[in-house]
PDB file of N, CA and C in Angstrom:
ATOM      1  N   MET A   1       0.815  -0.989  -0.029  1.00  0.00           N
ATOM      2  CA  MET A   1       0.257  -0.267  -0.098  1.00  0.00           C
ATOM      3  C   MET A   1       0.540   1.418   0.022  1.00  0.00           C
ATOM      4  N   ALA A   2       1.724   1.210   0.873  1.00  0.00           N
ATOM      5  CA  ALA A   2       2.729   2.489   1.058  1.00  0.00           C
ATOM      6  C   ALA A   2       3.497   2.826  -0.350  1.00  0.00           C
ATOM      7  N   ASP A   3       3.985   1.276  -1.319  1.00  0.00           N
ATOM      8  CA  ASP A   3       4.472   1.371  -2.452  1.00  0.00           C
ATOM      9  C   ASP A   3       3.405   2.344  -3.342  1.00  0.00           C
ATOM     10  N   GLU A   4       2.367   1.837  -3.255  1.00  0.00           N
ATOM     11  CA  GLU A   4       1.339   2.161  -4.602  1.00  0.00           C
ATOM     12  C   GLU A   4       1.625   3.945  -4.095  1.00  0.00           C
ATOM     13  N   LYS A   5       1.024   4.404  -3.058  1.00  0.00           N
ATOM     14  CA  LYS A   5       1.404   5.863  -2.640  1.00  0.00           C
ATOM     15  C   LYS A   5       2.547   6.218  -3.224  1.00  0.00           C
ATOM     16  N   LYS A   6       3.908   5.582  -3.418  1.00  0.00           N
ATOM     17  CA  LYS A   6       4.854   6.591  -3.353  1.00  0.00           C
ATOM     18  C   LYS A   6       5.191   6.489  -5.070  1.00  0.00           C
ATOM     19  N   LYS A   7       4.542   5.525  -5.711  1.00  0.00           N
ATOM     20  CA  LYS A   7       4.354   5.563  -7.236  1.00  0.00           C
ATOM     21  C   LYS A   7       3.456   6.564  -7.923  1.00  0.00           C
ATOM     22  N   ALA A   8       2.527   6.461  -7.151  1.00  0.00           N
ATOM     23  CA  ALA A   8       1.723   7.972  -7.461  1.00  0.00           C
ATOM     24  C   ALA A   8       2.117   8.926  -7.514  1.00  0.00           C
ATOM     25  N   VAL A   9       3.060   9.370  -6.190  1.00  0.00           N
ATOM     26  CA  VAL A   9       3.357  10.508  -6.408  1.00  0.00           C
ATOM     27  C   VAL A   9       4.729  10.665  -6.853  1.00  0.00           C
ATOM     28  N   THR A  10       5.692   9.780  -7.367  1.00  0.00           N
ATOM     29  CA  THR A  10       6.954   9.648  -8.106  1.00  0.00           C
ATOM     30  C   THR A  10       5.792  10.265  -9.767  1.00  0.00           C
ATOM     31  N   LYS A  11       4.759   9.085 -10.302  1.00  0.00           N
ATOM     32  CA  LYS A  11       4.335   9.572 -11.454  1.00  0.00           C
ATOM     33  C   LYS A  11       3.878  11.191 -11.500  1.00  0.00           C
ATOM     34  N   SER A  12       2.900  11.751 -10.316  1.00  0.00           N
ATOM     35  CA  SER A  12       2.421  13.157 -10.271  1.00  0.00           C
ATOM     36  C   SER A  12       3.541  14.108 -10.522  1.00  0.00           C
ATOM     37  N   THR A  13       4.214  13.681 -10.026  1.00  0.00           N
ATOM     38  CA  THR A  13       5.980  15.235  -9.900  1.00  0.00           C
ATOM     39  C   THR A  13       6.472  14.753 -11.258  1.00  0.00           C
ATOM     40  N   ALA A  14       5.969  13.719 -11.473  1.00  0.00           N
ATOM     41  CA  ALA A  14       7.384  13.276 -12.912  1.00  0.00           C
ATOM     42  C   ALA A  14       6.665  13.978 -14.328  1.00  0.00           C
ATOM     43  N   ALA A  15       5.084  14.240 -13.902  1.00  0.00           N
ATOM     44  CA  ALA A  15       4.502  14.619 -15.261  1.00  0.00           C
ATOM     45  C   ALA A  15       4.787  16.560 -15.094  1.00  0.00           C
ATOM     46  N   VAL A  16       4.831  16.842 -14.259  1.00  0.00           N
ATOM     47  CA  VAL A  16       5.376  18.576 -13.800  1.00  0.00           C
ATOM     48  C   VAL A  16       6.241  18.499 -14.166  1.00  0.00           C
ATOM     49  N   LYS A  17       6.952  19.329 -15.656  1.00  0.00           N
ATOM     50  CA  LYS A  17       8.442  19.589 -15.875  1.00  0.00           C
ATOM     51  C   LYS A  17       8.709  21.154 -16.026  1.00  0.00           C
ATOM     52  N   LYS A  18       9.493  21.569 -15.214  1.00  0.00           N
ATOM     53  CA  LYS A  18       9.911  23.176 -15.181  1.00  0.00           C
ATOM     54  C   LYS A  18      10.752  23.412 -16.391  1.00  0.00           C
ATOM     55  N   GLU A  19      11.266  24.098 -16.831  1.00  0.00           N
ATOM     56  CA  GLU A  19      11.810  25.006 -17.698  1.00  0.00           C
ATOM     57  C   GLU A  19      13.117  25.004 -16.803  1.00  0.00           C
ATOM     58  N   ASP A  20      14.786  24.927 -17.053  1.00  0.00           N
ATOM     59  CA  ASP A  20      15.534  25.112 -16.207  1.00  0.00           C
ATOM     60  C   ASP A  20      16.109  26.762 -15.949  1.00  0.00           C
ATOM     61  N   LYS A  21      16.262  27.301 -17.123  1.00  0.00           N
ATOM     62  CA  LYS A  21      15.814  28.263 -17.569  1.00  0.00           C
ATOM     63  C   LYS A  21      15.171  29.169 -18.582  1.00  0.00           C
ATOM     64  N   LYS A  22      14.662  30.652 -17.977  1.00  0.00           N
ATOM     65  CA  LYS A  22      13.920  30.879 -18.856  1.00  0.00           C
ATOM     66  C   LYS A  22      14.314  32.070 -20.006  1.00  0.00           C
ATOM     67  N   LEU A  23      13.360  32.164 -20.809  1.00  0.00           N
ATOM     68  CA  LEU A  23      13.681  32.453 -22.029  1.00  0.00           C
ATOM     69  C   LEU A  23      13.875  34.197 -22.536  1.00  0.00           C
ATOM     70  N   GLY A  24      14.780  34.437 -22.921  1.00  0.00           N
ATOM     71  CA  GLY A  24      14.750  36.149 -23.176  1.00  0.00           C
ATOM     72  C   GLY A  24      13.563  36.708 -24.039  1.00  0.00           C
ATOM     73  N   PHE A  25      13.864  38.069 -24.155  1.00  0.00           N
ATOM     74  CA  PHE A  25      12.315  38.449 -24.294  1.00  0.00           C
ATOM     75  C   PHE A  25      12.147  38.073 -25.828  1.00  0.00           C
ATOM     76  N   PHE A  26      13.339  38.614 -26.659  1.00  0.00           N
ATOM     77  CA  PHE A  26      12.810  38.225 -28.289  1.00  0.00           C
ATOM     78  C   PHE A  26      13.000  36.832 -28.284  1.00  0.00           C
ATOM     79  N   ALA A  27      13.146  35.464 -27.282  1.00  0.00           N
ATOM     80  CA  ALA A  27      13.722  34.274 -27.707  1.00  0.00           C
ATOM     81  C   ALA A  27      11.587  34.189 -27.668  1.00  0.00           C
ATOM     82  N   ARG A  28      11.462  34.861 -26.236  1.00  0.00           N
ATOM     83  CA  ARG A  28       9.536  34.269 -26.260  1.00  0.00           C
ATOM     84  C   ARG A  28       8.973  34.822 -27.448  1.00  0.00           C
ATOM     85  N   ILE A  29       9.030  35.948 -27.996  1.00  0.00           N
ATOM     86  CA  ILE A  29       8.286  36.174 -29.199  1.00  0.00           C
ATOM     87  C   ILE A  29       7.954  35.974 -30.139  1.00  0.00           C
ATOM     88  N   GLY A  30       9.779  35.194 -29.969  1.00  0.00           N
ATOM     89  CA  GLY A  30       9.917  34.324 -31.798  1.00  0.00           C
ATOM     90  C   GLY A  30       9.056  32.763 -31.419  1.00  0.00           C
ATOM     91  N   LYS A  31       9.713  32.306 -30.335  1.00  0.00           N
ATOM     92  CA  LYS A  31       8.757  31.141 -29.700  1.00  0.00           C
ATOM     93  C   LYS A  31       7.047  31.195 -29.899  1.00  0.00           C
ATOM     94  N   TRP A  32       6.180  32.405 -29.961  1.00  0.00           N
ATOM     95  CA  TRP A  32       5.048  32.322 -29.829  1.00  0.00           C
ATOM     96  C   TRP A  32       4.714  32.290 -31.103  1.00  0.00           C
ATOM     97  N   PHE A  33       5.451  33.406 -31.756  1.00  0.00           N
ATOM     98  CA  PHE A  33       5.247  33.531 -33.413  1.00  0.00           C
ATOM     99  C   PHE A  33       5.672  31.722 -34.215  1.00  0.00           C
ATOM    100  N   ARG A  34       6.744  31.255 -33.149  1.00  0.00           N
ATOM    101  CA  ARG A  34       6.587  29.822 -34.020  1.00  0.00           C
ATOM    102  C   ARG A  34       5.405  28.840 -34.029  1.00  0.00           C
ATOM    103  N   ASP A  35       4.924  29.033 -32.444  1.00  0.00           N
ATOM    104  CA  ASP A  35       3.741  28.072 -31.981  1.00  0.00           C
ATOM    105  C   ASP A  35       2.633  28.775 -32.838  1.00  0.00           C
ATOM    106  N   MET A  36       1.701  29.836 -33.019  1.00  0.00           N
ATOM    107  CA  MET A  36       1.094  29.924 -33.949  1.00  0.00           C
ATOM    108  C   MET A  36       0.795  29.787 -34.983  1.00  0.00           C
ATOM    109  N   ALA A  37       2.097  29.500 -35.473  1.00  0.00           N
ATOM    110  CA  ALA A  37       1.678  29.652 -37.123  1.00  0.00           C
ATOM    111  C   ALA A  37       2.081  27.420 -37.068  1.00  0.00           C
ATOM    112  N   ASN A  38       2.451  27.360 -36.052  1.00  0.00           N
ATOM    113  CA  ASN A  38       1.957  25.850 -35.880  1.00  0.00           C
ATOM    114  C   ASN A  38       0.479  25.564 -35.643  1.00  0.00           C
ATOM    115  N   GLU A  39      -0.123  26.432 -34.721  1.00  0.00           N
ATOM    116  CA  GLU A  39      -1.311  25.973 -34.710  1.00  0.00           C
ATOM    117  C   GLU A  39      -1.986  26.484 -35.589  1.00  0.00           C
ATOM    118  N   LEU A  40      -1.463  27.524 -36.270  1.00  0.00           N
ATOM    119  CA  LEU A  40      -2.267  27.573 -37.871  1.00  0.00           C
ATOM    120  C   LEU A  40      -2.595  26.930 -38.637  1.00  0.00           C
ATOM    121  N   LYS A  41      -1.606  26.145 -38.795  1.00  0.00           N
ATOM    122  CA  LYS A  41      -1.554  25.199 -39.701  1.00  0.00           C
ATOM    123  C   LYS A  41      -2.489  23.763 -39.509  1.00  0.00           C
ATOM    124  N   ARG A  42      -2.777  23.549 -38.624  1.00  0.00           N
ATOM    125  CA  ARG A  42      -3.559  22.350 -37.548  1.00  0.00           C
ATOM    126  C   ARG A  42      -5.384  22.990 -37.905  1.00  0.00           C
ATOM    127  N   VAL A  43      -5.288  24.419 -38.335  1.00  0.00           N
ATOM    128  CA  VAL A  43      -7.042  24.858 -37.745  1.00  0.00           C
ATOM    129  C   VAL A  43      -7.336  24.028 -38.966  1.00  0.00           C
ATOM    130  N   GLU A  44      -8.827  23.612 -39.523  1.00  0.00           N
ATOM    131  CA  GLU A  44      -9.647  23.426 -40.380  1.00  0.00           C
ATOM    132  C   GLU A  44     -10.232  24.383 -40.438  1.00  0.00           C
ATOM    133  N   TRP A  45     -10.256  25.309 -41.881  1.00  0.00           N
ATOM    134  CA  TRP A  45     -10.798  26.257 -42.428  1.00  0.00           C
ATOM    135  C   TRP A  45     -11.681  25.959 -42.961  1.00  0.00           C
ATOM    136  N   PRO A  46     -13.255  26.353 -42.763  1.00  0.00           N
ATOM    137  CA  PRO A  46     -14.341  26.484 -43.872  1.00  0.00           C
ATOM    138  C   PRO A  46     -14.300  26.589 -45.238  1.00  0.00           C
ATOM    139  N   THR A  47     -14.832  25.881 -45.605  1.00  0.00           N
ATOM    140  CA  THR A  47     -15.127  26.067 -47.572  1.00  0.00           C
ATOM    141  C   THR A  47     -16.628  27.033 -47.506  1.00  0.00           C
ATOM    142  N   PRO A  48     -15.850  27.207 -48.842  1.00  0.00           N
ATOM    143  CA  PRO A  48     -16.987  29.384 -48.867  1.00  0.00           C
ATOM    144  C   PRO A  48     -18.103  29.104 -48.890  1.00  0.00           C
ATOM    145  N   LYS A  49     -18.096  27.613 -49.046  1.00  0.00           N
ATOM    146  CA  LYS A  49     -20.365  27.374 -48.907  1.00  0.00           C
ATOM    147  C   LYS A  49     -20.178  27.062 -47.214  1.00  0.00           C
ATOM    148  N   LYS A  50     -19.639  26.503 -46.857  1.00  0.00           N
ATOM    149  CA  LYS A  50     -19.677  26.383 -44.928  1.00  0.00           C
ATOM    150  C   LYS A  50     -19.535  27.637 -43.970  1.00  0.00           C
ATOM    151  N   LEU A  51     -18.757  28.723 -44.946  1.00  0.00           N
ATOM    152  CA  LEU A  51     -18.443  30.065 -44.460  1.00  0.00           C
ATOM    153  C   LEU A  51     -19.852  30.608 -45.051  1.00  0.00           C
ATOM    154  N   MET A  52     -20.242  30.943 -46.471  1.00  0.00           N
ATOM    155  CA  MET A  52     -21.654  31.688 -46.156  1.00  0.00           C
ATOM    156  C   MET A  52     -22.475  30.883 -46.037  1.00  0.00           C
ATOM    157  N   HIS A  53     -23.009  29.599 -45.257  1.00  0.00           N
ATOM    158  CA  HIS A  53     -24.164  29.731 -44.444  1.00  0.00           C
ATOM    159  C   HIS A  53     -23.940  29.579 -42.976  1.00  0.00           C
ATOM    160  N   ASN A  54     -22.639  30.012 -42.241  1.00  0.00           N
ATOM    161  CA  ASN A  54     -22.704  30.485 -41.150  1.00  0.00           C
ATOM    162  C   ASN A  54     -22.789  31.830 -41.085  1.00  0.00           C
ATOM    163  N   THR A  55     -22.493  32.586 -42.228  1.00  0.00           N
ATOM    164  CA  THR A  55     -22.445  34.254 -42.382  1.00  0.00           C
ATOM    165  C   THR A  55     -24.062  34.441 -42.314  1.00  0.00           C
ATOM    166  N   LEU A  56     -25.054  33.785 -42.712  1.00  0.00           N
ATOM    167  CA  LEU A  56     -26.503  34.038 -42.978  1.00  0.00           C
ATOM    168  C   LEU A  56     -26.837  33.575 -41.588  1.00  0.00           C
ATOM    169  N   ILE A  57     -26.794  32.135 -41.118  1.00  0.00           N
ATOM    170  CA  ILE A  57     -26.754  32.300 -40.102  1.00  0.00           C
ATOM    171  C   ILE A  57     -27.106  33.448 -38.609  1.00  0.00           C
ATOM    172  N   ALA A  58     -25.412  33.774 -39.018  1.00  0.00           N
ATOM    173  CA  ALA A  58     -25.517  34.896 -38.243  1.00  0.00           C
ATOM    174  C   ALA A  58     -26.297  36.180 -38.174  1.00  0.00           C
ATOM    175  N   LEU A  59     -26.487  36.215 -39.249  1.00  0.00           N
ATOM    176  CA  LEU A  59     -27.436  37.631 -39.544  1.00  0.00           C
ATOM    177  C   LEU A  59     -28.350  37.642 -39.545  1.00  0.00           C
ATOM    178  N   ALA A  60     -29.095  36.003 -39.780  1.00  0.00           N
ATOM    179  CA  ALA A  60     -30.241  36.175 -39.288  1.00  0.00           C
ATOM    180  C   ALA A  60     -30.420  36.409 -37.814  1.00  0.00           C
ATOM    181  N   VAL A  61     -29.793  35.652 -37.463  1.00  0.00           N
ATOM    182  CA  VAL A  61     -29.791  35.836 -35.381  1.00  0.00           C
ATOM    183  C   VAL A  61     -29.720  37.171 -35.277  1.00  0.00           C
ATOM    184  N   MET A  62     -28.682  38.123 -35.575  1.00  0.00           N
ATOM    185  CA  MET A  62     -29.033  39.645 -35.376  1.00  0.00           C
ATOM    186  C   MET A  62     -30.230  39.916 -35.476  1.00  0.00           C
ATOM    187  N   ALA A  63     -30.370  39.607 -37.139  1.00  0.00           N
ATOM    188  CA  ALA A  63     -31.831  40.476 -37.246  1.00  0.00           C
ATOM    189  C   ALA A  63     -33.013  40.240 -36.121  1.00  0.00           C
ATOM    190  N   VAL A  64     -33.210  38.653 -35.770  1.00  0.00           N
ATOM    191  CA  VAL A  64     -33.935  38.577 -34.641  1.00  0.00           C
ATOM    192  C   VAL A  64     -33.802  39.319 -33.619  1.00  0.00           C
ATOM    193  N   SER A  65     -32.385  39.133 -33.292  1.00  0.00           N
ATOM    194  CA  SER A  65     -32.371  40.285 -31.785  1.00  0.00           C
ATOM    195  C   SER A  65     -32.582  41.003 -31.808  1.00  0.00           C
ATOM    196  N   ALA A  66     -32.618  41.623 -32.896  1.00  0.00           N
ATOM    197  CA  ALA A  66     -33.086  43.407 -33.381  1.00  0.00           C
ATOM    198  C   ALA A  66     -34.401  43.970 -33.263  1.00  0.00           C
ATOM    199  N   VAL A  67     -35.053  42.395 -34.032  1.00  0.00           N
ATOM    200  CA  VAL A  67     -36.755  42.658 -33.962  1.00  0.00           C
ATOM    201  C   VAL A  67     -37.136  42.565 -32.603  1.00  0.00           C
ATOM    202  N   VAL A  68     -36.683  41.832 -31.430  1.00  0.00           N
ATOM    203  CA  VAL A  68     -36.846  41.482 -30.457  1.00  0.00           C
ATOM    204  C   VAL A  68     -36.622  42.814 -29.320  1.00  0.00           C
ATOM    205  N   LEU A  69     -35.179  43.011 -29.581  1.00  0.00           N
ATOM    206  CA  LEU A  69     -34.541  44.379 -28.745  1.00  0.00           C
ATOM    207  C   LEU A  69     -35.748  45.436 -29.210  1.00  0.00           C
ATOM    208  N   ALA A  70     -35.987  45.603 -30.401  1.00  0.00           N
ATOM    209  CA  ALA A  70     -37.138  46.799 -30.722  1.00  0.00           C
ATOM    210  C   ALA A  70     -38.216  46.664 -30.245  1.00  0.00           C
ATOM    211  N   GLY A  71     -39.210  46.077 -30.153  1.00  0.00           N
ATOM    212  CA  GLY A  71     -40.113  45.417 -29.236  1.00  0.00           C
ATOM    213  C   GLY A  71     -40.218  45.378 -27.444  1.00  0.00           C
ATOM    214  N   PHE A  72     -38.814  45.071 -27.310  1.00  0.00           N
ATOM    215  CA  PHE A  72     -38.723  45.266 -25.583  1.00  0.00           C
ATOM    216  C   PHE A  72     -38.741  46.785 -25.446  1.00  0.00           C
ATOM    217  N   ASP A  73     -38.183  47.223 -26.283  1.00  0.00           N
ATOM    218  CA  ASP A  73     -37.702  48.662 -26.066  1.00  0.00           C
ATOM    219  C   ASP A  73     -39.342  49.545 -26.604  1.00  0.00           C
ATOM    220  N   TRP A  74     -40.057  49.068 -27.246  1.00  0.00           N
ATOM    221  CA  TRP A  74     -41.596  50.025 -27.567  1.00  0.00           C
ATOM    222  C   TRP A  74     -42.541  49.705 -26.516  1.00  0.00           C
ATOM    223  N   VAL A  75     -42.245  48.610 -25.982  1.00  0.00           N
ATOM    224  CA  VAL A  75     -43.446  47.692 -24.821  1.00  0.00           C
ATOM    225  C   VAL A  75     -42.752  48.624 -23.658  1.00  0.00           C
ATOM    226  N   ALA A  76     -41.826  49.115 -23.362  1.00  0.00           N
ATOM    227  CA  ALA A  76     -40.970  49.890 -21.950  1.00  0.00           C
ATOM    228  C   ALA A  76     -41.258  51.197 -22.615  1.00  0.00           C
ATOM    229  N   ARG A  77     -41.041  51.843 -23.924  1.00  0.00           N
ATOM    230  CA  ARG A  77     -41.677  53.719 -23.731  1.00  0.00           C
ATOM    231  C   ARG A  77     -43.110  53.487 -23.643  1.00  0.00           C
ATOM    232  N   LEU A  78     -44.020  52.664 -24.014  1.00  0.00           N
ATOM    233  CA  LEU A  78     -45.121  52.934 -23.856  1.00  0.00           C
ATOM    234  C   LEU A  78     -45.769  52.786 -21.692  1.00  0.00           C
ATOM    235  N   LEU A  79     -45.021  51.788 -21.485  1.00  0.00           N
ATOM    236  CA  LEU A  79     -45.218  51.551 -20.072  1.00  0.00           C
ATOM    237  C   LEU A  79     -44.726  52.888 -19.659  1.00  0.00           C
ATOM    238  N   VAL A  80     -43.743  53.518 -19.731  1.00  0.00           N
ATOM    239  CA  VAL A  80     -43.210  55.093 -19.030  1.00  0.00           C
ATOM    240  C   VAL A  80     -44.218  56.219 -19.511  1.00  0.00           C
ATOM    241  N   ASP A  81     -45.002  56.291 -20.812  1.00  0.00           N
ATOM    242  CA  ASP A  81     -45.151  57.049 -21.223  1.00  0.00           C
ATOM    243  C   ASP A  81     -47.028  56.827 -20.462  1.00  0.00           C
ATOM    244  N   THR A  82     -47.098  55.587 -20.368  1.00  0.00           N
ATOM    245  CA  THR A  82     -48.697  55.247 -19.716  1.00  0.00           C
ATOM    246  C   THR A  82     -48.652  55.919 -18.214  1.00  0.00           C
ATOM    247  N   ILE A  83     -47.223  55.642 -17.233  1.00  0.00           N
ATOM    248  CA  ILE A  83     -47.566  55.731 -15.916  1.00  0.00           C
ATOM    249  C   ILE A  83     -47.355  57.463 -16.024  1.00  0.00           C
ATOM    250  N   SER A  84     -46.500  57.734 -17.467  1.00  0.00           N
ATOM    251  CA  SER A  84     -46.489  59.169 -16.702  1.00  0.00           C
ATOM    252  C   SER A  84     -48.067  59.984 -17.123  1.00  0.00           C
ATOM    253  N   VAL A  85     -48.720  58.875 -18.035  1.00  0.00           N
ATOM    254  CA  VAL A  85     -49.581  60.013 -18.233  1.00  0.00           C
ATOM    255  C   VAL A  85     -51.014  59.843 -16.733  1.00  0.00           C
ATOM    256  N   ILE A  86     -50.780  58.572 -16.358  1.00  0.00           N
ATOM    257  CA  ILE A  86     -51.279  58.165 -15.134  1.00  0.00           C
ATOM    258  C   ILE A  86     -50.852  59.234 -13.835  1.00  0.00           C
ATOM    259  N   ALA A  87     -49.891  59.543 -13.613  1.00  0.00           N
ATOM    260  CA  ALA A  87     -49.470  60.392 -12.540  1.00  0.00           C
ATOM    261  C   ALA A  87     -49.322  61.735 -12.669  1.00  0.00           C
ATOM    262  N   GLY A  88     -50.100  62.450 -13.906  1.00  0.00           N
ATOM    263  CA  GLY A  88     -50.501  63.499 -14.846  1.00  0.00           C
ATOM    264  C   GLY A  88     -49.359  64.342 -14.976  1.00  0.00           C
ATOM    265  N   LYS A  89     -48.181  64.162 -15.313  1.00  0.00           N
ATOM    266  CA  LYS A  89     -46.731  64.486 -15.668  1.00  0.00           C
ATOM    267  C   LYS A  89     -46.993  64.089 -17.361  1.00  0.00           C
ATOM    268  N   GLY A  90     -47.745  63.612 -17.640  1.00  0.00           N
ATOM    269  CA  GLY A  90     -47.932  63.998 -19.669  1.00  0.00           C
ATOM    270  C   GLY A  90     -48.605  64.508 -20.063  1.00  0.00           C
TER     271      GLY A  90
END
């Protein structure tokens, strides 16, 4: 049982790896650009058809959201106008 705990501790500390020395400022910038370029190579870019489809969906959602927001605004304005008429200030 004690051996199992030692193995678990050894495995968990072995998984954590620290760099011995910190890279310089320009070396870190260069590493960042290299990492970014490698990630961009792995990206699955959409086809023009898929891009158009996603764009149309986004535009439709924005249009529906604008209509709903305008409806809420209209109802709120109606309520405020009604309250001001009832209060005698309108």
